[in-house]
Amino acid sequence: MIDAITVGQGAIVSQPAFDQGRADAALNALGSAILSDANYRDRSWDAIVLVFELDGRTSDFGYVFGPGNAWEAEGPENWDVLTRAKELHEATRVPGKPHWKKCLVRIERTTGRIGIDFDFDGNRWVPDMADPEGFARSLRAQPED
């Protein structure tokens, strides 16, 4: 169960021009789909971080962080997760305003919280092939308010 939403830069969820109930329901459905995905459901994890790109082409990638310093690149197995991300994308659309192109979702097991951040330009969260571990850990880090 998701008990809180932390929103980063460019927070569209603070804009009242969309149906907040629909957006909340879409976010809860996305969180449920992630947690029930076969790649996460039956394994030990401390955090899951996923990035969804929904501007033109659609894609996702992610990381699972385990006890200690362990981490692994692991995206969802089920297409339902990407479908739910698309539903969140539509639920947060504000007519006449720029819409987000990428979304970062961070779930922390100990708190049950889901953090969400949006990229309206599409330039953030580009994997660093020279330092994949540093990139993965940067995604997990909580944004500073």
N, C-alpha and C. Protein backbone atom coordinates (compact mmCIF):
# COMPACT_ATOMS: atom_id res chain seq x y z
N MET A 1 0.85 -1.17 0.00
CA MET A 1 0.00 0.00 0.00
C MET A 1 0.89 1.23 0.00
N ILE A 2 0.54 2.17 -0.80
CA ILE A 2 1.26 3.44 -0.90
C ILE A 2 0.62 4.40 0.08
N ASP A 3 1.41 4.95 1.00
CA ASP A 3 0.81 5.82 2.01
C ASP A 3 1.15 7.30 1.83
N ALA A 4 2.05 7.62 0.89
CA ALA A 4 2.40 9.02 0.70
C ALA A 4 2.97 9.21 -0.69
N ILE A 5 2.90 10.42 -1.17
CA ILE A 5 3.46 10.76 -2.46
C ILE A 5 4.41 11.93 -2.26
N THR A 6 5.64 11.74 -2.70
CA THR A 6 6.62 12.81 -2.67
C THR A 6 6.87 13.22 -4.11
N VAL A 7 6.70 14.48 -4.41
CA VAL A 7 6.82 14.94 -5.79
C VAL A 7 8.01 15.87 -5.91
N GLY A 8 8.82 15.67 -6.96
CA GLY A 8 10.01 16.48 -7.17
C GLY A 8 9.75 17.67 -8.07
N GLN A 9 10.79 18.11 -8.78
CA GLN A 9 10.76 19.29 -9.63
C GLN A 9 9.62 19.21 -10.64
N GLY A 10 9.05 20.35 -10.97
CA GLY A 10 8.03 20.42 -12.01
C GLY A 10 6.79 19.65 -11.66
N ALA A 11 6.42 19.64 -10.41
CA ALA A 11 5.35 18.78 -9.93
C ALA A 11 4.01 19.15 -10.55
N ILE A 12 3.58 18.34 -11.48
CA ILE A 12 2.31 18.59 -12.12
C ILE A 12 1.15 18.23 -11.19
N VAL A 13 1.38 17.35 -10.23
CA VAL A 13 0.28 16.96 -9.35
C VAL A 13 -0.18 18.11 -8.46
N SER A 14 0.57 19.19 -8.41
CA SER A 14 0.12 20.33 -7.62
C SER A 14 -0.79 21.25 -8.43
N GLN A 15 -0.94 20.97 -9.71
CA GLN A 15 -1.78 21.78 -10.57
C GLN A 15 -3.22 21.29 -10.48
N PRO A 16 -4.17 22.16 -10.19
CA PRO A 16 -5.54 21.75 -9.95
C PRO A 16 -6.37 21.49 -11.20
N ALA A 17 -5.80 21.64 -12.40
CA ALA A 17 -6.58 21.55 -13.63
C ALA A 17 -6.87 20.12 -14.08
N PHE A 18 -6.48 19.13 -13.32
CA PHE A 18 -6.83 17.76 -13.67
C PHE A 18 -7.55 17.12 -12.49
N ASP A 19 -8.13 15.97 -12.74
CA ASP A 19 -8.89 15.24 -11.73
C ASP A 19 -7.93 14.57 -10.74
N GLN A 20 -7.79 15.14 -9.55
CA GLN A 20 -6.85 14.63 -8.56
C GLN A 20 -7.19 13.19 -8.17
N GLY A 21 -8.46 12.88 -8.05
CA GLY A 21 -8.86 11.51 -7.70
C GLY A 21 -8.43 10.51 -8.75
N ARG A 22 -8.59 10.88 -10.01
CA ARG A 22 -8.16 10.00 -11.10
C ARG A 22 -6.64 9.82 -11.09
N ALA A 23 -5.91 10.92 -10.85
CA ALA A 23 -4.45 10.84 -10.79
C ALA A 23 -4.00 9.98 -9.61
N ASP A 24 -4.62 10.15 -8.45
CA ASP A 24 -4.28 9.33 -7.28
C ASP A 24 -4.55 7.85 -7.56
N ALA A 25 -5.69 7.56 -8.19
CA ALA A 25 -6.04 6.17 -8.51
C ALA A 25 -5.03 5.58 -9.49
N ALA A 26 -4.62 6.38 -10.48
CA ALA A 26 -3.64 5.91 -11.46
C ALA A 26 -2.29 5.64 -10.79
N LEU A 27 -1.88 6.50 -9.88
CA LEU A 27 -0.62 6.30 -9.17
C LEU A 27 -0.69 5.06 -8.29
N ASN A 28 -1.79 4.87 -7.59
CA ASN A 28 -1.95 3.66 -6.77
C ASN A 28 -1.94 2.40 -7.62
N ALA A 29 -2.59 2.45 -8.80
CA ALA A 29 -2.60 1.31 -9.71
C ALA A 29 -1.19 1.01 -10.21
N LEU A 30 -0.41 2.06 -10.51
CA LEU A 30 0.96 1.87 -10.94
C LEU A 30 1.79 1.24 -9.83
N GLY A 31 1.68 1.76 -8.62
CA GLY A 31 2.41 1.17 -7.49
C GLY A 31 2.05 -0.28 -7.26
N SER A 32 0.79 -0.61 -7.34
CA SER A 32 0.33 -2.00 -7.16
C SER A 32 0.88 -2.90 -8.26
N ALA A 33 0.87 -2.40 -9.50
CA ALA A 33 1.39 -3.19 -10.62
C ALA A 33 2.88 -3.46 -10.45
N ILE A 34 3.62 -2.46 -9.99
CA ILE A 34 5.06 -2.64 -9.76
C ILE A 34 5.28 -3.69 -8.67
N LEU A 35 4.59 -3.54 -7.55
CA LEU A 35 4.81 -4.45 -6.42
C LEU A 35 4.36 -5.88 -6.71
N SER A 36 3.41 -6.06 -7.62
CA SER A 36 2.96 -7.42 -7.95
C SER A 36 3.69 -8.01 -9.15
N ASP A 37 4.59 -7.25 -9.76
CA ASP A 37 5.34 -7.75 -10.91
C ASP A 37 6.26 -8.90 -10.48
N ALA A 38 6.37 -9.91 -11.33
CA ALA A 38 7.16 -11.11 -11.02
C ALA A 38 8.62 -10.79 -10.72
N ASN A 39 9.15 -9.74 -11.30
CA ASN A 39 10.56 -9.40 -11.05
C ASN A 39 10.81 -8.79 -9.68
N TYR A 40 9.76 -8.41 -8.96
CA TYR A 40 9.91 -7.78 -7.65
C TYR A 40 9.17 -8.52 -6.53
N ARG A 41 8.08 -9.14 -6.86
CA ARG A 41 7.15 -9.71 -5.88
C ARG A 41 7.81 -10.68 -4.90
N ASP A 42 8.60 -11.61 -5.38
CA ASP A 42 9.11 -12.68 -4.52
C ASP A 42 10.58 -12.54 -4.18
N ARG A 43 11.10 -11.34 -4.22
CA ARG A 43 12.51 -11.18 -3.91
C ARG A 43 12.68 -10.18 -2.77
N SER A 44 13.82 -10.25 -2.17
CA SER A 44 14.15 -9.32 -1.10
C SER A 44 14.65 -8.02 -1.73
N TRP A 45 14.05 -6.90 -1.37
CA TRP A 45 14.50 -5.61 -1.88
C TRP A 45 14.24 -4.54 -0.83
N ASP A 46 15.05 -3.51 -0.87
CA ASP A 46 14.87 -2.35 -0.01
C ASP A 46 14.21 -1.20 -0.78
N ALA A 47 14.52 -1.11 -2.08
CA ALA A 47 13.96 -0.05 -2.90
C ALA A 47 13.88 -0.51 -4.35
N ILE A 48 12.90 0.02 -5.05
CA ILE A 48 12.75 -0.18 -6.50
C ILE A 48 12.68 1.21 -7.11
N VAL A 49 13.46 1.42 -8.17
CA VAL A 49 13.44 2.69 -8.88
C VAL A 49 13.21 2.40 -10.36
N LEU A 50 12.19 3.02 -10.93
CA LEU A 50 11.87 2.83 -12.34
C LEU A 50 11.77 4.18 -13.04
N VAL A 51 12.19 4.23 -14.28
CA VAL A 51 12.04 5.41 -15.13
C VAL A 51 11.18 5.01 -16.32
N PHE A 52 10.14 5.81 -16.56
CA PHE A 52 9.24 5.60 -17.69
C PHE A 52 9.41 6.76 -18.66
N GLU A 53 9.63 6.45 -19.94
CA GLU A 53 9.69 7.47 -20.98
C GLU A 53 8.43 7.31 -21.83
N LEU A 54 7.62 8.36 -21.88
CA LEU A 54 6.32 8.26 -22.54
C LEU A 54 6.10 9.38 -23.53
N ASP A 55 7.16 9.81 -24.19
CA ASP A 55 7.07 10.89 -25.17
C ASP A 55 7.37 10.31 -26.54
N GLY A 56 6.34 10.05 -27.34
CA GLY A 56 6.54 9.40 -28.62
C GLY A 56 6.75 7.92 -28.41
N ARG A 57 7.99 7.49 -28.35
CA ARG A 57 8.26 6.09 -28.03
C ARG A 57 8.06 5.87 -26.54
N THR A 58 7.76 4.66 -26.18
CA THR A 58 7.58 4.35 -24.76
C THR A 58 8.62 3.31 -24.35
N SER A 59 9.16 3.52 -23.17
CA SER A 59 10.15 2.58 -22.65
C SER A 59 10.20 2.71 -21.14
N ASP A 60 10.82 1.73 -20.53
CA ASP A 60 11.08 1.80 -19.09
C ASP A 60 12.37 1.05 -18.78
N PHE A 61 12.97 1.43 -17.68
CA PHE A 61 14.11 0.70 -17.14
C PHE A 61 14.12 0.93 -15.65
N GLY A 62 14.83 0.06 -14.93
CA GLY A 62 14.82 0.22 -13.49
C GLY A 62 15.93 -0.51 -12.78
N TYR A 63 15.91 -0.33 -11.47
CA TYR A 63 16.92 -0.91 -10.59
C TYR A 63 16.26 -1.39 -9.31
N VAL A 64 16.81 -2.48 -8.78
CA VAL A 64 16.37 -3.00 -7.49
C VAL A 64 17.56 -2.87 -6.54
N PHE A 65 17.30 -2.33 -5.37
CA PHE A 65 18.33 -2.17 -4.35
C PHE A 65 18.02 -3.10 -3.20
N GLY A 66 19.02 -3.89 -2.82
CA GLY A 66 18.82 -4.88 -1.77
C GLY A 66 19.52 -4.48 -0.50
N PRO A 67 19.55 -5.41 0.42
CA PRO A 67 20.22 -5.15 1.70
C PRO A 67 21.69 -4.78 1.48
N GLY A 68 22.18 -3.96 2.38
CA GLY A 68 23.58 -3.54 2.28
C GLY A 68 23.77 -2.63 1.11
N ASN A 69 24.74 -2.92 0.30
CA ASN A 69 25.09 -2.08 -0.83
C ASN A 69 24.69 -2.70 -2.17
N ALA A 70 23.87 -3.74 -2.12
CA ALA A 70 23.52 -4.49 -3.33
C ALA A 70 22.56 -3.71 -4.23
N TRP A 71 22.76 -3.86 -5.53
CA TRP A 71 21.84 -3.28 -6.51
C TRP A 71 21.91 -4.12 -7.78
N GLU A 72 20.87 -4.05 -8.57
CA GLU A 72 20.80 -4.80 -9.82
C GLU A 72 19.89 -4.06 -10.79
N ALA A 73 20.30 -4.01 -12.06
CA ALA A 73 19.42 -3.45 -13.09
C ALA A 73 18.30 -4.45 -13.32
N GLU A 74 17.06 -4.00 -13.15
CA GLU A 74 15.92 -4.92 -13.29
C GLU A 74 14.65 -4.12 -13.57
N GLY A 75 14.17 -4.21 -14.78
CA GLY A 75 12.90 -3.58 -15.14
C GLY A 75 11.76 -4.55 -14.90
N PRO A 76 10.56 -4.07 -15.00
CA PRO A 76 9.40 -4.95 -14.79
C PRO A 76 9.27 -5.97 -15.92
N GLU A 77 8.75 -7.13 -15.58
CA GLU A 77 8.52 -8.19 -16.56
C GLU A 77 7.19 -7.99 -17.27
N ASN A 78 6.19 -7.54 -16.53
CA ASN A 78 4.82 -7.46 -17.04
C ASN A 78 4.56 -6.14 -17.75
N TRP A 79 3.96 -6.18 -18.92
CA TRP A 79 3.61 -4.97 -19.67
C TRP A 79 2.57 -4.13 -18.94
N ASP A 80 1.88 -4.73 -17.98
CA ASP A 80 0.87 -4.00 -17.21
C ASP A 80 1.47 -2.79 -16.50
N VAL A 81 2.72 -2.88 -16.09
CA VAL A 81 3.37 -1.76 -15.40
C VAL A 81 3.47 -0.56 -16.34
N LEU A 82 3.91 -0.78 -17.57
CA LEU A 82 4.01 0.32 -18.53
C LEU A 82 2.62 0.86 -18.88
N THR A 83 1.64 -0.01 -18.97
CA THR A 83 0.26 0.42 -19.23
C THR A 83 -0.23 1.33 -18.11
N ARG A 84 0.06 0.98 -16.86
CA ARG A 84 -0.34 1.81 -15.72
C ARG A 84 0.40 3.15 -15.72
N ALA A 85 1.66 3.15 -16.15
CA ALA A 85 2.41 4.41 -16.25
C ALA A 85 1.76 5.32 -17.31
N LYS A 86 1.31 4.73 -18.41
CA LYS A 86 0.61 5.51 -19.44
C LYS A 86 -0.69 6.08 -18.89
N GLU A 87 -1.38 5.32 -18.05
CA GLU A 87 -2.62 5.82 -17.44
C GLU A 87 -2.34 7.01 -16.52
N LEU A 88 -1.23 6.94 -15.77
CA LEU A 88 -0.84 8.08 -14.93
C LEU A 88 -0.51 9.28 -15.82
N HIS A 89 0.17 9.03 -16.91
CA HIS A 89 0.51 10.09 -17.86
C HIS A 89 -0.75 10.82 -18.33
N GLU A 90 -1.75 10.07 -18.71
CA GLU A 90 -3.01 10.67 -19.18
C GLU A 90 -3.78 11.35 -18.04
N ALA A 91 -3.76 10.73 -16.87
CA ALA A 91 -4.52 11.28 -15.73
C ALA A 91 -3.97 12.61 -15.25
N THR A 92 -2.70 12.87 -15.50
CA THR A 92 -2.07 14.12 -15.03
C THR A 92 -1.93 15.16 -16.14
N ARG A 93 -2.49 14.88 -17.28
CA ARG A 93 -2.42 15.84 -18.40
C ARG A 93 -3.27 17.07 -18.08
N VAL A 94 -2.68 18.24 -18.31
CA VAL A 94 -3.38 19.51 -18.10
C VAL A 94 -3.52 20.16 -19.48
N PRO A 95 -4.75 20.32 -19.96
CA PRO A 95 -4.94 20.91 -21.29
C PRO A 95 -4.25 22.28 -21.42
N GLY A 96 -3.55 22.45 -22.54
CA GLY A 96 -2.90 23.71 -22.82
C GLY A 96 -1.56 23.92 -22.13
N LYS A 97 -1.12 22.94 -21.35
CA LYS A 97 0.17 23.06 -20.64
C LYS A 97 1.11 21.97 -21.13
N PRO A 98 2.42 22.21 -21.07
CA PRO A 98 3.39 21.15 -21.44
C PRO A 98 3.20 19.94 -20.52
N HIS A 99 3.38 18.78 -21.09
CA HIS A 99 3.20 17.57 -20.31
C HIS A 99 4.55 16.88 -20.09
N TRP A 100 4.64 16.11 -19.04
CA TRP A 100 5.89 15.44 -18.75
C TRP A 100 6.20 14.37 -19.78
N LYS A 101 7.52 14.18 -20.00
CA LYS A 101 7.99 13.21 -20.97
C LYS A 101 8.55 11.96 -20.30
N LYS A 102 9.11 12.14 -19.11
CA LYS A 102 9.64 11.02 -18.34
C LYS A 102 9.14 11.13 -16.91
N CYS A 103 9.08 9.99 -16.27
CA CYS A 103 8.64 9.92 -14.89
C CYS A 103 9.55 8.95 -14.15
N LEU A 104 10.03 9.36 -12.98
CA LEU A 104 10.84 8.49 -12.13
C LEU A 104 9.97 8.10 -10.93
N VAL A 105 9.89 6.79 -10.68
CA VAL A 105 9.13 6.27 -9.54
C VAL A 105 10.10 5.56 -8.61
N ARG A 106 10.06 5.93 -7.35
CA ARG A 106 10.95 5.35 -6.34
C ARG A 106 10.09 4.79 -5.21
N ILE A 107 10.21 3.50 -4.95
CA ILE A 107 9.46 2.87 -3.87
C ILE A 107 10.43 2.38 -2.81
N GLU A 108 10.20 2.80 -1.58
CA GLU A 108 11.03 2.38 -0.44
C GLU A 108 10.23 1.41 0.40
N ARG A 109 10.75 0.22 0.58
CA ARG A 109 10.03 -0.82 1.31
C ARG A 109 9.81 -0.47 2.78
N THR A 110 10.83 0.07 3.45
CA THR A 110 10.71 0.30 4.89
C THR A 110 9.62 1.31 5.24
N THR A 111 9.42 2.30 4.38
CA THR A 111 8.41 3.33 4.67
C THR A 111 7.10 3.09 3.93
N GLY A 112 7.15 2.28 2.86
CA GLY A 112 5.96 2.07 2.05
C GLY A 112 5.64 3.27 1.18
N ARG A 113 6.56 4.20 1.09
CA ARG A 113 6.31 5.42 0.31
C ARG A 113 6.72 5.27 -1.13
N ILE A 114 6.01 5.98 -1.96
CA ILE A 114 6.38 6.08 -3.36
C ILE A 114 6.71 7.53 -3.64
N GLY A 115 7.89 7.75 -4.20
CA GLY A 115 8.29 9.09 -4.61
C GLY A 115 8.17 9.17 -6.12
N ILE A 116 7.76 10.30 -6.60
CA ILE A 116 7.58 10.44 -8.05
C ILE A 116 8.12 11.80 -8.47
N ASP A 117 8.81 11.80 -9.60
CA ASP A 117 9.38 13.01 -10.13
C ASP A 117 9.13 13.01 -11.63
N PHE A 118 8.95 14.20 -12.20
CA PHE A 118 8.63 14.32 -13.61
C PHE A 118 9.71 15.11 -14.34
N ASP A 119 9.94 14.75 -15.59
CA ASP A 119 10.87 15.45 -16.47
C ASP A 119 10.06 15.98 -17.65
N PHE A 120 9.94 17.29 -17.73
CA PHE A 120 9.14 17.91 -18.78
C PHE A 120 9.93 18.13 -20.07
N ASP A 121 11.27 18.06 -20.00
CA ASP A 121 12.11 18.26 -21.18
C ASP A 121 12.55 16.96 -21.83
N GLY A 122 12.59 15.89 -21.06
CA GLY A 122 13.02 14.59 -21.58
C GLY A 122 14.51 14.39 -21.57
N ASN A 123 15.24 15.24 -20.84
CA ASN A 123 16.70 15.16 -20.83
C ASN A 123 17.29 14.53 -19.57
N ARG A 124 16.47 14.28 -18.59
CA ARG A 124 16.98 13.72 -17.33
C ARG A 124 16.98 12.20 -17.39
N TRP A 125 17.70 11.60 -16.47
CA TRP A 125 17.72 10.16 -16.25
C TRP A 125 18.14 9.37 -17.49
N VAL A 126 19.23 9.81 -18.09
CA VAL A 126 19.82 9.10 -19.22
C VAL A 126 20.92 8.21 -18.65
N PRO A 127 20.83 6.90 -18.85
CA PRO A 127 21.83 5.99 -18.27
C PRO A 127 23.25 6.37 -18.66
N ASP A 128 24.15 6.24 -17.69
CA ASP A 128 25.56 6.53 -17.87
C ASP A 128 26.30 5.20 -18.03
N MET A 129 26.63 4.87 -19.26
CA MET A 129 27.29 3.58 -19.53
C MET A 129 28.69 3.51 -18.93
N ALA A 130 29.30 4.65 -18.69
CA ALA A 130 30.64 4.66 -18.10
C ALA A 130 30.59 4.41 -16.60
N ASP A 131 29.47 4.71 -15.96
CA ASP A 131 29.34 4.53 -14.51
C ASP A 131 27.92 4.08 -14.16
N PRO A 132 27.56 2.85 -14.53
CA PRO A 132 26.19 2.40 -14.28
C PRO A 132 25.83 2.36 -12.79
N GLU A 133 26.78 2.01 -11.94
CA GLU A 133 26.48 1.98 -10.51
C GLU A 133 26.20 3.38 -9.98
N GLY A 134 27.03 4.34 -10.35
CA GLY A 134 26.82 5.72 -9.92
C GLY A 134 25.48 6.26 -10.40
N PHE A 135 25.13 5.93 -11.64
CA PHE A 135 23.85 6.36 -12.19
C PHE A 135 22.69 5.74 -11.40
N ALA A 136 22.76 4.43 -11.17
CA ALA A 136 21.70 3.74 -10.42
C ALA A 136 21.55 4.35 -9.03
N ARG A 137 22.64 4.57 -8.35
CA ARG A 137 22.57 5.13 -6.99
C ARG A 137 22.05 6.57 -7.00
N SER A 138 22.34 7.32 -8.05
CA SER A 138 21.82 8.68 -8.13
C SER A 138 20.29 8.69 -8.27
N LEU A 139 19.75 7.69 -8.94
CA LEU A 139 18.30 7.58 -9.07
C LEU A 139 17.64 7.24 -7.74
N ARG A 140 18.32 6.43 -6.95
CA ARG A 140 17.75 6.03 -5.67
C ARG A 140 17.76 7.19 -4.66
N ALA A 141 18.76 8.05 -4.75
CA ALA A 141 18.89 9.14 -3.78
C ALA A 141 17.60 9.99 -3.75
N GLN A 142 17.17 10.30 -2.57
CA GLN A 142 15.97 11.12 -2.40
C GLN A 142 16.28 12.54 -2.86
N PRO A 143 15.37 13.16 -3.60
CA PRO A 143 15.61 14.55 -4.01
C PRO A 143 15.58 15.47 -2.80
N GLU A 144 16.37 16.51 -2.88
CA GLU A 144 16.38 17.49 -1.80
C GLU A 144 15.29 18.52 -2.07
N ASP A 145 14.51 18.83 -1.07
CA ASP A 145 13.43 19.81 -1.23
C ASP A 145 13.93 21.21 -1.09
